[in-house]
C-alpha atoms as a PDB file:
ATOM      1  CA  UNK A   1      14.287  87.910-164.009  1.00  0.00           C
ATOM      2  CA  UNK A   2      17.677  88.572-162.397  1.00  0.00           C
ATOM      3  CA  UNK A   3      16.224  88.050-158.917  1.00  0.00           C
ATOM      4  CA  UNK A   4      14.724  84.684-159.925  1.00  0.00           C
ATOM      5  CA  UNK A   5      18.065  83.464-161.323  1.00  0.00           C
ATOM      6  CA  UNK A   6      19.855  84.601-158.189  1.00  0.00           C
ATOM      7  CA  UNK A   7      17.231  82.854-156.029  1.00  0.00           C
ATOM      8  CA  UNK A   8      17.561  79.645-158.099  1.00  0.00           C
ATOM      9  CA  UNK A   9      21.347  79.734-157.785  1.00  0.00           C
ATOM     10  CA  UNK A  10      21.202  80.202-154.008  1.00  0.00           C
ATOM     11  CA  UNK A  11      18.586  77.444-153.656  1.00  0.00           C
ATOM     12  CA  UNK A  12      20.690  75.059-155.709  1.00  0.00           C
ATOM     13  CA  UNK A  13      23.797  75.877-153.672  1.00  0.00           C
ATOM     14  CA  UNK A  14      21.952  75.183-150.405  1.00  0.00           C
ATOM     15  CA  UNK A  15      20.608  71.900-151.756  1.00  0.00           C
ATOM     16  CA  UNK A  16      24.044  70.755-152.930  1.00  0.00           C
ATOM     17  CA  UNK A  17      25.668  71.696-149.627  1.00  0.00           C
ATOM     18  CA  UNK A  18      23.015  69.720-147.730  1.00  0.00           C
ATOM     19  CA  UNK A  19      23.767  66.600-149.757  1.00  0.00           C
ATOM     20  CA  UNK A  20      27.508  67.172-149.493  1.00  0.00           C
ATOM     21  CA  UNK A  21      27.360  67.370-145.695  1.00  0.00           C
ATOM     22  CA  UNK A  22      25.240  64.226-145.427  1.00  0.00           C
ATOM     23  CA  UNK A  23      27.654  62.376-147.706  1.00  0.00           C
ATOM     24  CA  UNK A  24      30.403  63.071-145.180  1.00  0.00           C
ATOM     25  CA  UNK A  25      28.478  61.610-142.247  1.00  0.00           C
ATOM     26  CA  UNK A  26      29.825  58.499-140.589  1.00  0.00           C
ATOM     27  CA  UNK A  27      27.988  55.411-141.760  1.00  0.00           C
ATOM     28  CA  UNK A  28      27.052  52.328-139.794  1.00  0.00           C
ATOM     29  CA  UNK A  29      28.678  49.169-141.166  1.00  0.00           C
ATOM     30  CA  UNK A  30      27.786  45.599-140.257  1.00  0.00           C
ATOM     31  CA  UNK A  31      30.376  43.420-138.534  1.00  0.00           C
ATOM     32  CA  UNK A  32      30.416  41.075-141.545  1.00  0.00           C
ATOM     33  CA  UNK A  33      31.065  43.932-143.988  1.00  0.00           C
ATOM     34  CA  UNK A  34      33.749  45.321-141.692  1.00  0.00           C
ATOM     35  CA  UNK A  35      35.585  41.979-141.562  1.00  0.00           C
ATOM     36  CA  UNK A  36      36.210  42.290-145.308  1.00  0.00           C
ATOM     37  CA  UNK A  37      37.804  45.756-145.055  1.00  0.00           C
ATOM     38  CA  UNK A  38      39.046  45.982-141.448  1.00  0.00           C
ATOM     39  CA  UNK A  39      42.667  46.508-142.522  1.00  0.00           C
ATOM     40  CA  UNK A  40      41.645  49.794-144.197  1.00  0.00           C
ATOM     41  CA  UNK A  41      40.478  51.361-140.904  1.00  0.00           C
ATOM     42  CA  UNK A  42      41.881  52.405-137.541  1.00  0.00           C
ATOM     43  CA  UNK A  43      39.772  52.416-134.381  1.00  0.00           C
ATOM     44  CA  UNK A  44      39.541  55.925-132.929  1.00  0.00           C
ATOM     45  CA  UNK A  45      37.011  55.616-130.118  1.00  0.00           C
ATOM     46  CA  UNK A  46      33.741  54.406-128.661  1.00  0.00           C
ATOM     47  CA  UNK A  47      30.350  56.089-128.641  1.00  0.00           C
ATOM     48  CA  UNK A  48      26.973  55.392-127.093  1.00  0.00           C
ATOM     49  CA  UNK A  49      23.378  56.524-127.180  1.00  0.00           C
ATOM     50  CA  UNK A  50      20.580  55.982-124.706  1.00  0.00           C
ATOM     51  CA  UNK A  51      17.003  56.905-124.056  1.00  0.00           C
ATOM     52  CA  UNK A  52      16.047  57.103-127.732  1.00  0.00           C
ATOM     53  CA  UNK A  53      12.519  56.053-128.667  1.00  0.00           C
ATOM     54  CA  UNK A  54      13.182  54.698-132.173  1.00  0.00           C
ATOM     55  CA  UNK A  55      16.043  53.087-134.051  1.00  0.00           C
ATOM     56  CA  UNK A  56      16.343  55.863-136.658  1.00  0.00           C
ATOM     57  CA  UNK A  57      16.929  58.468-133.946  1.00  0.00           C
ATOM     58  CA  UNK A  58      19.458  56.223-132.204  1.00  0.00           C
ATOM     59  CA  UNK A  59      21.292  55.658-135.503  1.00  0.00           C
ATOM     60  CA  UNK A  60      21.350  59.413-136.211  1.00  0.00           C
ATOM     61  CA  UNK A  61      22.723  60.085-132.723  1.00  0.00           C
ATOM     62  CA  UNK A  62      25.490  57.496-133.151  1.00  0.00           C
ATOM     63  CA  UNK A  63      26.384  58.877-136.584  1.00  0.00           C
ATOM     64  CA  UNK A  64      26.573  62.432-135.204  1.00  0.00           C
ATOM     65  CA  UNK A  65      28.829  61.305-132.350  1.00  0.00           C
ATOM     66  CA  UNK A  66      31.056  59.347-134.755  1.00  0.00           C
ATOM     67  CA  UNK A  67      31.324  62.492-136.919  1.00  0.00           C
ATOM     68  CA  UNK A  68      32.401  64.505-133.874  1.00  0.00           C
ATOM     69  CA  UNK A  69      35.257  62.025-133.343  1.00  0.00           C
ATOM     70  CA  UNK A  70      36.272  62.342-136.993  1.00  0.00           C
ATOM     71  CA  UNK A  71      35.146  58.812-137.851  1.00  0.00           C
ATOM     72  CA  UNK A  72      34.134  57.474-141.235  1.00  0.00           C
ATOM     73  CA  UNK A  73      32.237  54.416-140.026  1.00  0.00           C
ATOM     74  CA  UNK A  74      30.924  52.920-136.815  1.00  0.00           C
ATOM     75  CA  UNK A  75      30.186  49.304-135.893  1.00  0.00           C
ATOM     76  CA  UNK A  76      27.362  48.619-133.450  1.00  0.00           C
ATOM     77  CA  UNK A  77      28.812  46.623-130.567  1.00  0.00           C
ATOM     78  CA  UNK A  78      25.741  46.347-128.327  1.00  0.00           C
ATOM     79  CA  UNK A  79      22.123  47.315-128.214  1.00  0.00           C
ATOM     80  CA  UNK A  80      19.109  47.053-125.950  1.00  0.00           C
ATOM     81  CA  UNK A  81      15.480  47.890-126.656  1.00  0.00           C
ATOM     82  CA  UNK A  82      13.783  47.616-123.255  1.00  0.00           C
ATOM     83  CA  UNK A  83      11.245  50.468-123.726  1.00  0.00           C
ATOM     84  CA  UNK A  84      14.009  52.862-124.861  1.00  0.00           C
ATOM     85  CA  UNK A  85      16.875  52.180-127.245  1.00  0.00           C
ATOM     86  CA  UNK A  86      20.408  52.042-125.870  1.00  0.00           C
ATOM     87  CA  UNK A  87      23.457  51.217-127.983  1.00  0.00           C
ATOM     88  CA  UNK A  88      27.226  51.389-128.131  1.00  0.00           C
ATOM     89  CA  UNK A  89      29.525  51.387-131.144  1.00  0.00           C
ATOM     90  CA  UNK A  90      33.198  51.456-132.055  1.00  0.00           C
ATOM     91  CA  UNK A  91      34.255  54.262-134.389  1.00  0.00           C
ATOM     92  CA  UNK A  92      36.817  53.821-137.161  1.00  0.00           C
ATOM     93  CA  UNK A  93      38.631  56.199-139.509  1.00  0.00           C
ATOM     94  CA  UNK A  94      39.961  55.175-142.903  1.00  0.00           C
ATOM     95  CA  UNK A  95      43.772  54.871-142.883  1.00  0.00           C
END
């Protein structure tokens, strides 16, 4: 019984930490949404992705790169889907 409770506690802790880490990931924001809150953010850099085969993978790559810069959000500034997905984005951090 003790082992099962310990296992349940560890499993729950891992699950919570997974959700906590994903909640801290930089999120993509549309240009229209950003216009409403732009004064709350500071631009901290630019990121890009290329050679991805689907939009979800490209979005994940941009989010990961924005996280590495310490960004909270990123705004897609260009994209191209000629056989492979290429995109650039500006990264912002909340003031």
